């Protein structure tokens, strides 16, 4: 099969390589990948920055956001032909967190595309218990968003947003979907900060009430002009940029809460004493609450939430370099790689 490999030779980029089709271990399922999404983690791995080098075991097939069809499964597993996505964290099922029903906190988890081979390939294997079966007829673009939308869902549902003023810093794909979700769940105002003009337009399309470039006007002035004089009740930090992180913390109400999603490439200095004195809540968001978040995503989609405008580009996997360039430099929202043509037909 064809796959995008991080070789581990120290250089940036991913190599399109010929690899053996993986053989499922006991309890695992072989899935033929149809589409895969490029996320911020993949951009770090492709660039091979310090963050990625310290967390990725190579050689490694990258990627974790996908939709595909079951090719082969163990007895009791999903039937061949079932449309599936997958939970990227393969928990150990033995530790204290797993045995208490908190598999998302497993310290021994193996991450798809980082600790075990991922979905930037024509085939991938995953434990049957990590797969999420989609209803027949589910749109592929909707299905491929389940993983990234799940991150937004876990972030926004970490605190009540109905009737509240919500700040989203960073209008990357997850930030965009977080803004759409906050509005869908009844936030009074959803304010998005973003420096890229294309993504500011996308934020309006996804439902943000107000979208600003924080370089042009201080966020405090913008908030005051909207009647948000004492700060936001909650924030979703989706950029990983140090200034945006500090901005999010500085513009919360006393007792306000921030869901931290964006990955910074290095240490970030914050005013810890102010966070303590204002009783700021900071909650890291990584992945999903397995599988509660997936069920919530399904319910929200059934209830009318439409995240698909976040998808702006489809590339065949052979054009992966152009796809990564679009995802990194834009103008773009969510960028997808198409793996839908079986290797046998090439």
C-alpha atoms as a PDB file:
ATOM      1  CA  UNK A   1       0.000   0.000   0.000  1.00  0.00           C
ATOM      2  CA  UNK A   2       0.963   3.662  -0.279  1.00  0.00           C
ATOM      3  CA  UNK A   3       1.578   5.574   2.941  1.00  0.00           C
ATOM      4  CA  UNK A   4       2.996   8.888   4.152  1.00  0.00           C
ATOM      5  CA  UNK A   5       5.948   8.032   6.360  1.00  0.00           C
ATOM      6  CA  UNK A   6       7.943  10.086   8.851  1.00  0.00           C
ATOM      7  CA  UNK A   7      11.275   8.359   8.461  1.00  0.00           C
ATOM      8  CA  UNK A   8      12.997   9.760  11.512  1.00  0.00           C
ATOM      9  CA  UNK A   9      16.080  10.930   9.633  1.00  0.00           C
ATOM     10  CA  UNK A  10      15.736  14.377  11.197  1.00  0.00           C
ATOM     11  CA  UNK A  11      14.444  16.183   8.115  1.00  0.00           C
ATOM     12  CA  UNK A  12      11.055  17.869   7.700  1.00  0.00           C
ATOM     13  CA  UNK A  13       8.401  16.464   5.388  1.00  0.00           C
ATOM     14  CA  UNK A  14       6.657  13.133   4.891  1.00  0.00           C
ATOM     15  CA  UNK A  15       7.743  10.553   2.341  1.00  0.00           C
ATOM     16  CA  UNK A  16       5.214   8.787   0.106  1.00  0.00           C
ATOM     17  CA  UNK A  17       6.363   5.190   0.530  1.00  0.00           C
ATOM     18  CA  UNK A  18       5.405   1.668  -0.442  1.00  0.00           C
ATOM     19  CA  UNK A  19       4.539  -0.233   2.751  1.00  0.00           C
ATOM     20  CA  UNK A  20       3.100  -3.663   3.533  1.00  0.00           C
ATOM     21  CA  UNK A  21      -0.607  -3.749   4.270  1.00  0.00           C
ATOM     22  CA  UNK A  22      -0.811  -4.075   8.079  1.00  0.00           C
ATOM     23  CA  UNK A  23      -1.933  -7.370   9.577  1.00  0.00           C
ATOM     24  CA  UNK A  24      -4.499  -6.964  12.372  1.00  0.00           C
ATOM     25  CA  UNK A  25      -3.478  -8.323  15.765  1.00  0.00           C
ATOM     26  CA  UNK A  26      -5.963 -10.186  17.937  1.00  0.00           C
ATOM     27  CA  UNK A  27      -9.058  -8.068  18.472  1.00  0.00           C
ATOM     28  CA  UNK A  28      -8.078  -5.586  15.755  1.00  0.00           C
ATOM     29  CA  UNK A  29      -9.844  -4.499  12.569  1.00  0.00           C
ATOM     30  CA  UNK A  30      -8.364  -3.755   9.146  1.00  0.00           C
ATOM     31  CA  UNK A  31      -9.861  -0.564   7.694  1.00  0.00           C
ATOM     32  CA  UNK A  32      -9.508   0.793   4.164  1.00  0.00           C
ATOM     33  CA  UNK A  33      -9.072   4.544   4.496  1.00  0.00           C
ATOM     34  CA  UNK A  34     -11.274   6.749   2.305  1.00  0.00           C
ATOM     35  CA  UNK A  35     -10.461  10.244   3.523  1.00  0.00           C
ATOM     36  CA  UNK A  36      -8.115  11.657   6.147  1.00  0.00           C
ATOM     37  CA  UNK A  37      -7.885  15.112   7.663  1.00  0.00           C
ATOM     38  CA  UNK A  38      -4.727  17.119   8.292  1.00  0.00           C
ATOM     39  CA  UNK A  39      -4.674  18.558  11.792  1.00  0.00           C
ATOM     40  CA  UNK A  40      -2.313  20.735  13.800  1.00  0.00           C
ATOM     41  CA  UNK A  41      -0.552  17.682  15.256  1.00  0.00           C
ATOM     42  CA  UNK A  42       0.217  16.479  11.727  1.00  0.00           C
ATOM     43  CA  UNK A  43       1.652  19.883  10.840  1.00  0.00           C
ATOM     44  CA  UNK A  44       4.028  19.618  13.805  1.00  0.00           C
ATOM     45  CA  UNK A  45       5.084  16.111  12.720  1.00  0.00           C
ATOM     46  CA  UNK A  46       5.516  17.126   9.080  1.00  0.00           C
ATOM     47  CA  UNK A  47       7.644  20.129  10.132  1.00  0.00           C
ATOM     48  CA  UNK A  48       9.484  17.867  12.620  1.00  0.00           C
ATOM     49  CA  UNK A  49       9.763  20.590  15.237  1.00  0.00           C
ATOM     50  CA  UNK A  50      10.942  20.114  18.819  1.00  0.00           C
ATOM     51  CA  UNK A  51       7.437  19.247  20.018  1.00  0.00           C
ATOM     52  CA  UNK A  52       7.018  16.501  17.415  1.00  0.00           C
ATOM     53  CA  UNK A  53      10.520  15.083  17.869  1.00  0.00           C
ATOM     54  CA  UNK A  54       9.964  14.686  21.594  1.00  0.00           C
ATOM     55  CA  UNK A  55       6.645  12.872  21.193  1.00  0.00           C
ATOM     56  CA  UNK A  56       6.727  10.783  18.004  1.00  0.00           C
ATOM     57  CA  UNK A  57       8.328   7.381  17.638  1.00  0.00           C
ATOM     58  CA  UNK A  58       9.768   6.883  14.159  1.00  0.00           C
ATOM     59  CA  UNK A  59       9.635   5.508  11.563  1.00  0.00           C
ATOM     60  CA  UNK A  60       5.922   6.198  11.680  1.00  0.00           C
ATOM     61  CA  UNK A  61       2.952   6.536   9.326  1.00  0.00           C
ATOM     62  CA  UNK A  62       1.328   9.812  10.377  1.00  0.00           C
ATOM     63  CA  UNK A  63      -2.310  10.883  10.602  1.00  0.00           C
ATOM     64  CA  UNK A  64      -5.260  10.135  12.893  1.00  0.00           C
ATOM     65  CA  UNK A  65      -8.421  11.797  11.511  1.00  0.00           C
ATOM     66  CA  UNK A  66     -10.192   9.488   9.071  1.00  0.00           C
ATOM     67  CA  UNK A  67     -13.226   7.782   7.673  1.00  0.00           C
ATOM     68  CA  UNK A  68     -12.981   4.362   6.060  1.00  0.00           C
ATOM     69  CA  UNK A  69     -14.659   1.010   5.539  1.00  0.00           C
ATOM     70  CA  UNK A  70     -14.030  -2.234   7.398  1.00  0.00           C
ATOM     71  CA  UNK A  71     -12.131  -4.800   5.346  1.00  0.00           C
ATOM     72  CA  UNK A  72     -11.670  -7.528   7.958  1.00  0.00           C
ATOM     73  CA  UNK A  73     -12.709  -7.815  11.604  1.00  0.00           C
ATOM     74  CA  UNK A  74     -12.568 -10.365  14.432  1.00  0.00           C
ATOM     75  CA  UNK A  75     -15.680 -12.317  15.467  1.00  0.00           C
ATOM     76  CA  UNK A  76     -18.134  -9.939  17.075  1.00  0.00           C
ATOM     77  CA  UNK A  77     -16.482  -6.930  15.425  1.00  0.00           C
ATOM     78  CA  UNK A  78     -18.059  -4.592  12.867  1.00  0.00           C
ATOM     79  CA  UNK A  79     -19.172  -6.204   9.621  1.00  0.00           C
ATOM     80  CA  UNK A  80     -17.119  -5.840   6.465  1.00  0.00           C
ATOM     81  CA  UNK A  81     -18.198  -2.740   4.568  1.00  0.00           C
ATOM     82  CA  UNK A  82     -19.195  -0.792   7.702  1.00  0.00           C
ATOM     83  CA  UNK A  83     -18.353   2.908   7.473  1.00  0.00           C
ATOM     84  CA  UNK A  84     -16.175   3.826  10.472  1.00  0.00           C
ATOM     85  CA  UNK A  85     -14.003   6.443  12.079  1.00  0.00           C
ATOM     86  CA  UNK A  86     -11.740   5.732  15.019  1.00  0.00           C
ATOM     87  CA  UNK A  87     -10.677   6.955  18.443  1.00  0.00           C
ATOM     88  CA  UNK A  88      -6.992   7.803  18.098  1.00  0.00           C
ATOM     89  CA  UNK A  89      -6.019   6.962  21.681  1.00  0.00           C
ATOM     90  CA  UNK A  90      -5.479   3.238  22.142  1.00  0.00           C
ATOM     91  CA  UNK A  91      -5.710   2.849  25.913  1.00  0.00           C
ATOM     92  CA  UNK A  92      -4.050   0.064  27.887  1.00  0.00           C
ATOM     93  CA  UNK A  93      -7.297  -1.023  29.674  1.00  0.00           C
ATOM     94  CA  UNK A  94      -5.230  -2.020  32.729  1.00  0.00           C
ATOM     95  CA  UNK A  95      -4.255   1.188  34.520  1.00  0.00           C
ATOM     96  CA  UNK A  96      -6.198   3.031  37.216  1.00  0.00           C
ATOM     97  CA  UNK A  97      -7.711   5.516  34.754  1.00  0.00           C
ATOM     98  CA  UNK A  98      -8.898   2.824  32.343  1.00  0.00           C
ATOM     99  CA  UNK A  99     -10.312   0.619  35.101  1.00  0.00           C
ATOM    100  CA  UNK A 100     -12.258   3.587  36.484  1.00  0.00           C
ATOM    101  CA  UNK A 101     -13.862   4.330  33.123  1.00  0.00           C
ATOM    102  CA  UNK A 102     -11.567   7.216  32.163  1.00  0.00           C
ATOM    103  CA  UNK A 103      -9.717   5.762  29.211  1.00  0.00           C
ATOM    104  CA  UNK A 104      -9.057   9.270  27.865  1.00  0.00           C
ATOM    105  CA  UNK A 105      -6.679   9.792  30.814  1.00  0.00           C
ATOM    106  CA  UNK A 106      -4.695   6.581  30.305  1.00  0.00           C
ATOM    107  CA  UNK A 107      -1.004   7.405  30.882  1.00  0.00           C
ATOM    108  CA  UNK A 108       0.048   4.449  28.728  1.00  0.00           C
ATOM    109  CA  UNK A 109      -2.122   5.331  25.748  1.00  0.00           C
ATOM    110  CA  UNK A 110      -0.721   4.758  22.264  1.00  0.00           C
ATOM    111  CA  UNK A 111      -1.593   7.602  19.906  1.00  0.00           C
ATOM    112  CA  UNK A 112      -2.481   6.882  16.318  1.00  0.00           C
ATOM    113  CA  UNK A 113       0.052   8.466  13.973  1.00  0.00           C
ATOM    114  CA  UNK A 114       2.562   9.039  16.771  1.00  0.00           C
ATOM    115  CA  UNK A 115       3.059   5.833  18.787  1.00  0.00           C
ATOM    116  CA  UNK A 116       1.443   3.456  16.277  1.00  0.00           C
ATOM    117  CA  UNK A 117       1.019   3.737  12.529  1.00  0.00           C
ATOM    118  CA  UNK A 118      -1.711   6.119  11.464  1.00  0.00           C
ATOM    119  CA  UNK A 119      -4.193   6.822   8.709  1.00  0.00           C
ATOM    120  CA  UNK A 120      -2.188   8.616   6.036  1.00  0.00           C
ATOM    121  CA  UNK A 121      -2.213   5.300   4.226  1.00  0.00           C
ATOM    122  CA  UNK A 122      -4.523   3.100   2.215  1.00  0.00           C
ATOM    123  CA  UNK A 123      -5.059   0.779   5.173  1.00  0.00           C
ATOM    124  CA  UNK A 124      -4.868   1.058   8.967  1.00  0.00           C
ATOM    125  CA  UNK A 125      -5.482  -1.304  11.874  1.00  0.00           C
ATOM    126  CA  UNK A 126      -7.185  -0.411  15.155  1.00  0.00           C
ATOM    127  CA  UNK A 127      -8.680  -2.370  18.042  1.00  0.00           C
ATOM    128  CA  UNK A 128     -12.349  -3.080  17.352  1.00  0.00           C
ATOM    129  CA  UNK A 129     -13.295  -1.192  20.530  1.00  0.00           C
ATOM    130  CA  UNK A 130     -11.703   1.974  19.122  1.00  0.00           C
ATOM    131  CA  UNK A 131     -13.948   2.129  16.075  1.00  0.00           C
ATOM    132  CA  UNK A 132     -17.086   4.233  15.726  1.00  0.00           C
ATOM    133  CA  UNK A 133     -19.638   2.938  13.224  1.00  0.00           C
ATOM    134  CA  UNK A 134     -21.492   5.596  11.239  1.00  0.00           C
ATOM    135  CA  UNK A 135     -25.100   5.161  10.141  1.00  0.00           C
ATOM    136  CA  UNK A 136     -25.515   4.006   6.561  1.00  0.00           C
ATOM    137  CA  UNK A 137     -25.495   6.935   4.154  1.00  0.00           C
ATOM    138  CA  UNK A 138     -23.426   9.248   6.367  1.00  0.00           C
ATOM    139  CA  UNK A 139     -21.689  11.921   4.293  1.00  0.00           C
ATOM    140  CA  UNK A 140     -17.938  11.242   4.120  1.00  0.00           C
ATOM    141  CA  UNK A 141     -17.018  14.867   4.805  1.00  0.00           C
ATOM    142  CA  UNK A 142     -19.136  14.815   7.957  1.00  0.00           C
ATOM    143  CA  UNK A 143     -17.687  11.478   9.074  1.00  0.00           C
ATOM    144  CA  UNK A 144     -14.062  12.517   8.629  1.00  0.00           C
ATOM    145  CA  UNK A 145     -14.653  15.493  10.962  1.00  0.00           C
ATOM    146  CA  UNK A 146     -15.712  13.356  13.946  1.00  0.00           C
ATOM    147  CA  UNK A 147     -12.252  13.381  15.525  1.00  0.00           C
ATOM    148  CA  UNK A 148     -11.548  17.113  15.232  1.00  0.00           C
ATOM    149  CA  UNK A 149     -15.155  18.079  15.972  1.00  0.00           C
ATOM    150  CA  UNK A 150     -14.899  15.888  19.059  1.00  0.00           C
ATOM    151  CA  UNK A 151     -12.051  18.059  20.333  1.00  0.00           C
ATOM    152  CA  UNK A 152     -14.214  21.147  19.893  1.00  0.00           C
ATOM    153  CA  UNK A 153     -17.133  19.422  21.600  1.00  0.00           C
ATOM    154  CA  UNK A 154     -15.070  18.409  24.615  1.00  0.00           C
ATOM    155  CA  UNK A 155     -13.701  21.956  24.888  1.00  0.00           C
ATOM    156  CA  UNK A 156     -17.000  23.832  24.581  1.00  0.00           C
ATOM    157  CA  UNK A 157     -18.962  21.433  26.785  1.00  0.00           C
ATOM    158  CA  UNK A 158     -16.375  21.730  29.563  1.00  0.00           C
ATOM    159  CA  UNK A 159     -18.429  24.638  30.892  1.00  0.00           C
ATOM    160  CA  UNK A 160     -21.983  25.970  30.402  1.00  0.00           C
ATOM    161  CA  UNK A 161     -22.144  28.385  27.476  1.00  0.00           C
ATOM    162  CA  UNK A 162     -25.873  29.047  27.143  1.00  0.00           C
ATOM    163  CA  UNK A 163     -26.451  32.765  27.571  1.00  0.00           C
ATOM    164  CA  UNK A 164     -22.722  33.388  28.146  1.00  0.00           C
ATOM    165  CA  UNK A 165     -20.135  35.455  26.279  1.00  0.00           C
ATOM    166  CA  UNK A 166     -17.573  33.085  24.773  1.00  0.00           C
ATOM    167  CA  UNK A 167     -14.133  33.957  23.390  1.00  0.00           C
ATOM    168  CA  UNK A 168     -12.375  31.733  20.842  1.00  0.00           C
ATOM    169  CA  UNK A 169      -8.735  32.578  20.162  1.00  0.00           C
ATOM    170  CA  UNK A 170      -7.559  31.090  16.880  1.00  0.00           C
ATOM    171  CA  UNK A 171      -9.783  30.238  13.917  1.00  0.00           C
ATOM    172  CA  UNK A 172      -8.082  27.077  12.785  1.00  0.00           C
ATOM    173  CA  UNK A 173     -10.451  24.190  12.029  1.00  0.00           C
ATOM    174  CA  UNK A 174     -11.066  23.262  15.677  1.00  0.00           C
ATOM    175  CA  UNK A 175     -11.472  26.900  16.717  1.00  0.00           C
ATOM    176  CA  UNK A 176     -13.939  27.415  13.883  1.00  0.00           C
ATOM    177  CA  UNK A 177     -15.977  24.396  14.922  1.00  0.00           C
ATOM    178  CA  UNK A 178     -15.823  25.502  18.561  1.00  0.00           C
ATOM    179  CA  UNK A 179     -17.333  28.841  17.543  1.00  0.00           C
ATOM    180  CA  UNK A 180     -20.079  27.088  15.568  1.00  0.00           C
ATOM    181  CA  UNK A 181     -20.822  24.802  18.498  1.00  0.00           C
ATOM    182  CA  UNK A 182     -20.905  27.590  21.094  1.00  0.00           C
ATOM    183  CA  UNK A 183     -23.475  29.447  19.001  1.00  0.00           C
ATOM    184  CA  UNK A 184     -25.455  26.233  18.414  1.00  0.00           C
ATOM    185  CA  UNK A 185     -25.578  25.678  22.187  1.00  0.00           C
ATOM    186  CA  UNK A 186     -26.969  29.160  22.859  1.00  0.00           C
ATOM    187  CA  UNK A 187     -24.029  31.405  23.705  1.00  0.00           C
ATOM    188  CA  UNK A 188     -25.065  35.066  23.936  1.00  0.00           C
ATOM    189  CA  UNK A 189     -22.051  36.262  21.979  1.00  0.00           C
ATOM    190  CA  UNK A 190     -19.249  34.299  20.328  1.00  0.00           C
ATOM    191  CA  UNK A 191     -16.192  36.448  19.651  1.00  0.00           C
ATOM    192  CA  UNK A 192     -13.340  35.019  17.584  1.00  0.00           C
ATOM    193  CA  UNK A 193      -9.848  36.470  17.321  1.00  0.00           C
ATOM    194  CA  UNK A 194      -7.794  35.543  14.266  1.00  0.00           C
ATOM    195  CA  UNK A 195      -5.048  37.247  12.277  1.00  0.00           C
ATOM    196  CA  UNK A 196      -5.690  35.468   8.957  1.00  0.00           C
ATOM    197  CA  UNK A 197      -8.350  37.262   6.854  1.00  0.00           C
ATOM    198  CA  UNK A 198      -9.542  34.088   5.087  1.00  0.00           C
ATOM    199  CA  UNK A 199     -10.169  32.328   8.370  1.00  0.00           C
ATOM    200  CA  UNK A 200     -11.907  35.402   9.761  1.00  0.00           C
ATOM    201  CA  UNK A 201     -14.396  35.078   6.896  1.00  0.00           C
ATOM    202  CA  UNK A 202     -14.808  31.377   7.642  1.00  0.00           C
ATOM    203  CA  UNK A 203     -15.532  32.199  11.284  1.00  0.00           C
ATOM    204  CA  UNK A 204     -18.470  34.342  10.149  1.00  0.00           C
ATOM    205  CA  UNK A 205     -19.685  31.499   7.919  1.00  0.00           C
ATOM    206  CA  UNK A 206     -19.514  29.059  10.848  1.00  0.00           C
ATOM    207  CA  UNK A 207     -21.626  31.365  12.992  1.00  0.00           C
ATOM    208  CA  UNK A 208     -19.373  33.609  15.098  1.00  0.00           C
ATOM    209  CA  UNK A 209     -21.163  36.788  16.133  1.00  0.00           C
ATOM    210  CA  UNK A 210     -18.033  38.953  15.999  1.00  0.00           C
ATOM    211  CA  UNK A 211     -14.628  38.263  14.438  1.00  0.00           C
ATOM    212  CA  UNK A 212     -11.639  40.525  14.965  1.00  0.00           C
ATOM    213  CA  UNK A 213      -7.966  40.855  14.147  1.00  0.00           C
ATOM    214  CA  UNK A 214      -6.400  41.518  17.575  1.00  0.00           C
ATOM    215  CA  UNK A 215      -3.496  43.338  15.931  1.00  0.00           C
ATOM    216  CA  UNK A 216      -5.793  46.054  14.628  1.00  0.00           C
ATOM    217  CA  UNK A 217      -7.757  46.774  17.789  1.00  0.00           C
ATOM    218  CA  UNK A 218      -7.144  45.592  21.350  1.00  0.00           C
ATOM    219  CA  UNK A 219      -9.537  42.878  22.435  1.00  0.00           C
ATOM    220  CA  UNK A 220     -10.479  44.872  25.531  1.00  0.00           C
ATOM    221  CA  UNK A 221     -11.766  47.752  23.380  1.00  0.00           C
ATOM    222  CA  UNK A 222     -13.711  45.396  21.144  1.00  0.00           C
ATOM    223  CA  UNK A 223     -15.274  43.626  24.123  1.00  0.00           C
ATOM    224  CA  UNK A 224     -16.233  46.924  25.766  1.00  0.00           C
ATOM    225  CA  UNK A 225     -17.820  48.070  22.528  1.00  0.00           C
ATOM    226  CA  UNK A 226     -19.980  44.943  22.583  1.00  0.00           C
ATOM    227  CA  UNK A 227     -21.023  45.519  26.178  1.00  0.00           C
ATOM    228  CA  UNK A 228     -18.697  42.836  27.531  1.00  0.00           C
ATOM    229  CA  UNK A 229     -17.075  45.138  30.052  1.00  0.00           C
ATOM    230  CA  UNK A 230     -16.061  42.704  32.783  1.00  0.00           C
ATOM    231  CA  UNK A 231     -14.737  39.923  30.570  1.00  0.00           C
ATOM    232  CA  UNK A 232     -15.796  36.662  28.981  1.00  0.00           C
ATOM    233  CA  UNK A 233     -17.316  33.863  31.024  1.00  0.00           C
ATOM    234  CA  UNK A 234     -15.263  31.292  29.155  1.00  0.00           C
ATOM    235  CA  UNK A 235     -12.717  30.953  26.391  1.00  0.00           C
ATOM    236  CA  UNK A 236     -11.485  28.299  24.007  1.00  0.00           C
ATOM    237  CA  UNK A 237      -7.787  28.780  23.268  1.00  0.00           C
ATOM    238  CA  UNK A 238      -7.244  27.079  19.920  1.00  0.00           C
ATOM    239  CA  UNK A 239      -4.157  28.796  18.533  1.00  0.00           C
ATOM    240  CA  UNK A 240      -1.218  27.766  20.717  1.00  0.00           C
ATOM    241  CA  UNK A 241       0.222  31.243  20.151  1.00  0.00           C
ATOM    242  CA  UNK A 242       1.715  32.804  23.319  1.00  0.00           C
ATOM    243  CA  UNK A 243       0.062  36.205  22.815  1.00  0.00           C
ATOM    244  CA  UNK A 244      -3.334  34.610  22.150  1.00  0.00           C
ATOM    245  CA  UNK A 245      -2.974  32.442  25.266  1.00  0.00           C
ATOM    246  CA  UNK A 246      -2.224  35.493  27.390  1.00  0.00           C
ATOM    247  CA  UNK A 247      -5.075  37.393  25.727  1.00  0.00           C
ATOM    248  CA  UNK A 248      -7.546  34.633  26.549  1.00  0.00           C
ATOM    249  CA  UNK A 249      -6.510  34.540  30.204  1.00  0.00           C
ATOM    250  CA  UNK A 250      -6.476  38.334  30.553  1.00  0.00           C
ATOM    251  CA  UNK A 251     -10.017  38.823  29.266  1.00  0.00           C
ATOM    252  CA  UNK A 252     -11.917  36.357  31.428  1.00  0.00           C
ATOM    253  CA  UNK A 253     -14.360  37.261  34.172  1.00  0.00           C
ATOM    254  CA  UNK A 254     -13.172  36.483  37.694  1.00  0.00           C
ATOM    255  CA  UNK A 255     -13.820  32.776  38.025  1.00  0.00           C
ATOM    256  CA  UNK A 256     -13.832  32.435  34.239  1.00  0.00           C
ATOM    257  CA  UNK A 257     -12.667  29.264  32.556  1.00  0.00           C
ATOM    258  CA  UNK A 258     -10.468  28.529  29.572  1.00  0.00           C
ATOM    259  CA  UNK A 259     -10.295  25.301  27.606  1.00  0.00           C
ATOM    260  CA  UNK A 260      -6.708  24.966  26.379  1.00  0.00           C
ATOM    261  CA  UNK A 261      -6.557  23.252  22.984  1.00  0.00           C
ATOM    262  CA  UNK A 262      -3.810  24.939  20.988  1.00  0.00           C
ATOM    263  CA  UNK A 263      -0.395  23.311  21.109  1.00  0.00           C
ATOM    264  CA  UNK A 264       2.477  25.722  21.715  1.00  0.00           C
ATOM    265  CA  UNK A 265       5.839  24.727  20.279  1.00  0.00           C
ATOM    266  CA  UNK A 266       7.641  25.776  23.465  1.00  0.00           C
ATOM    267  CA  UNK A 267       7.099  27.082  27.022  1.00  0.00           C
ATOM    268  CA  UNK A 268       4.627  29.974  27.385  1.00  0.00           C
ATOM    269  CA  UNK A 269       4.971  32.567  30.157  1.00  0.00           C
ATOM    270  CA  UNK A 270       1.682  33.561  31.827  1.00  0.00           C
ATOM    271  CA  UNK A 271       0.763  35.705  34.837  1.00  0.00           C
ATOM    272  CA  UNK A 272       0.177  32.827  37.235  1.00  0.00           C
ATOM    273  CA  UNK A 273      -0.502  35.035  40.284  1.00  0.00           C
ATOM    274  CA  UNK A 274      -3.308  36.835  38.487  1.00  0.00           C
ATOM    275  CA  UNK A 275      -4.809  33.512  37.432  1.00  0.00           C
ATOM    276  CA  UNK A 276      -4.730  32.400  41.079  1.00  0.00           C
ATOM    277  CA  UNK A 277      -6.189  35.611  42.504  1.00  0.00           C
ATOM    278  CA  UNK A 278      -8.958  35.714  39.872  1.00  0.00           C
ATOM    279  CA  UNK A 279      -9.658  31.993  40.435  1.00  0.00           C
ATOM    280  CA  UNK A 280      -9.254  31.248  36.734  1.00  0.00           C
ATOM    281  CA  UNK A 281      -9.999  27.708  35.655  1.00  0.00           C
ATOM    282  CA  UNK A 282      -7.597  26.256  33.064  1.00  0.00           C
ATOM    283  CA  UNK A 283      -8.468  22.883  31.585  1.00  0.00           C
ATOM    284  CA  UNK A 284      -6.330  21.054  29.054  1.00  0.00           C
ATOM    285  CA  UNK A 285      -8.236  19.400  26.209  1.00  0.00           C
ATOM    286  CA  UNK A 286      -6.599  16.516  24.381  1.00  0.00           C
ATOM    287  CA  UNK A 287      -8.767  14.143  22.393  1.00  0.00           C
ATOM    288  CA  UNK A 288     -12.136  12.966  23.649  1.00  0.00           C
ATOM    289  CA  UNK A 289     -13.941  11.539  26.619  1.00  0.00           C
ATOM    290  CA  UNK A 290     -14.101   8.011  25.206  1.00  0.00           C
ATOM    291  CA  UNK A 291     -16.825   7.441  23.952  1.00  0.00           C
ATOM    292  CA  UNK A 292     -19.093  10.040  25.544  1.00  0.00           C
ATOM    293  CA  UNK A 293     -17.771  12.754  23.237  1.00  0.00           C
ATOM    294  CA  UNK A 294     -18.432  10.641  20.138  1.00  0.00           C
ATOM    295  CA  UNK A 295     -22.036  10.095  21.221  1.00  0.00           C
ATOM    296  CA  UNK A 296     -22.406  13.811  21.836  1.00  0.00           C
ATOM    297  CA  UNK A 297     -21.022  14.594  18.355  1.00  0.00           C
ATOM    298  CA  UNK A 298     -23.580  12.245  16.809  1.00  0.00           C
ATOM    299  CA  UNK A 299     -26.409  13.865  18.772  1.00  0.00           C
ATOM    300  CA  UNK A 300     -25.330  17.386  17.852  1.00  0.00           C
ATOM    301  CA  UNK A 301     -25.130  16.510  14.163  1.00  0.00           C
ATOM    302  CA  UNK A 302     -28.585  14.923  14.337  1.00  0.00           C
ATOM    303  CA  UNK A 303     -29.771  18.128  16.014  1.00  0.00           C
ATOM    304  CA  UNK A 304     -28.719  20.310  13.102  1.00  0.00           C
ATOM    305  CA  UNK A 305     -25.096  21.281  13.750  1.00  0.00           C
ATOM    306  CA  UNK A 306     -23.301  21.468  10.392  1.00  0.00           C
ATOM    307  CA  UNK A 307     -19.507  21.688  10.647  1.00  0.00           C
ATOM    308  CA  UNK A 308     -18.763  20.878   6.992  1.00  0.00           C
ATOM    309  CA  UNK A 309     -18.194  24.513   5.863  1.00  0.00           C
ATOM    310  CA  UNK A 310     -14.884  24.214   7.739  1.00  0.00           C
ATOM    311  CA  UNK A 311     -13.663  21.900   4.932  1.00  0.00           C
ATOM    312  CA  UNK A 312     -12.142  24.008   2.169  1.00  0.00           C
ATOM    313  CA  UNK A 313      -9.789  21.675   0.289  1.00  0.00           C
ATOM    314  CA  UNK A 314      -9.653  18.090  -0.971  1.00  0.00           C
ATOM    315  CA  UNK A 315      -6.368  16.714  -2.330  1.00  0.00           C
ATOM    316  CA  UNK A 316      -5.474  13.281  -3.683  1.00  0.00           C
ATOM    317  CA  UNK A 317      -2.835  11.783  -1.413  1.00  0.00           C
ATOM    318  CA  UNK A 318      -0.245  11.991  -4.198  1.00  0.00           C
ATOM    319  CA  UNK A 319      -0.450  15.801  -3.776  1.00  0.00           C
ATOM    320  CA  UNK A 320       0.320  15.635  -0.058  1.00  0.00           C
ATOM    321  CA  UNK A 321       2.986  18.349  -0.238  1.00  0.00           C
ATOM    322  CA  UNK A 322       0.473  20.819  -1.706  1.00  0.00           C
ATOM    323  CA  UNK A 323      -2.098  19.698   0.867  1.00  0.00           C
ATOM    324  CA  UNK A 324       0.254  20.359   3.781  1.00  0.00           C
ATOM    325  CA  UNK A 325       1.268  23.703   2.292  1.00  0.00           C
ATOM    326  CA  UNK A 326      -2.389  24.700   2.059  1.00  0.00           C
ATOM    327  CA  UNK A 327      -3.066  23.591   5.642  1.00  0.00           C
ATOM    328  CA  UNK A 328      -0.009  25.402   6.987  1.00  0.00           C
ATOM    329  CA  UNK A 329      -0.027  28.645   5.003  1.00  0.00           C
ATOM    330  CA  UNK A 330      -3.574  28.875   3.675  1.00  0.00           C
ATOM    331  CA  UNK A 331      -5.815  30.328   2.744  1.00  0.00           C
ATOM    332  CA  UNK A 332      -7.616  27.270   4.081  1.00  0.00           C
ATOM    333  CA  UNK A 333      -9.811  25.684   6.703  1.00  0.00           C
ATOM    334  CA  UNK A 334      -9.774  21.919   7.110  1.00  0.00           C
ATOM    335  CA  UNK A 335      -7.734  20.154   4.405  1.00  0.00           C
ATOM    336  CA  UNK A 336      -8.512  16.550   3.474  1.00  0.00           C
ATOM    337  CA  UNK A 337      -6.481  13.855   1.728  1.00  0.00           C
ATOM    338  CA  UNK A 338      -8.384  11.437  -0.505  1.00  0.00           C
ATOM    339  CA  UNK A 339      -7.305   7.793  -0.167  1.00  0.00           C
ATOM    340  CA  UNK A 340     -10.462   6.336  -1.706  1.00  0.00           C
ATOM    341  CA  UNK A 341      -8.982   4.607  -4.778  1.00  0.00           C
ATOM    342  CA  UNK A 342      -7.792   1.119  -3.781  1.00  0.00           C
ATOM    343  CA  UNK A 343      -4.114   0.466  -4.485  1.00  0.00           C
ATOM    344  CA  UNK A 344      -4.991  -2.621  -6.582  1.00  0.00           C
ATOM    345  CA  UNK A 345      -6.640  -0.413  -9.209  1.00  0.00           C
ATOM    346  CA  UNK A 346      -3.618   1.817  -9.747  1.00  0.00           C
END
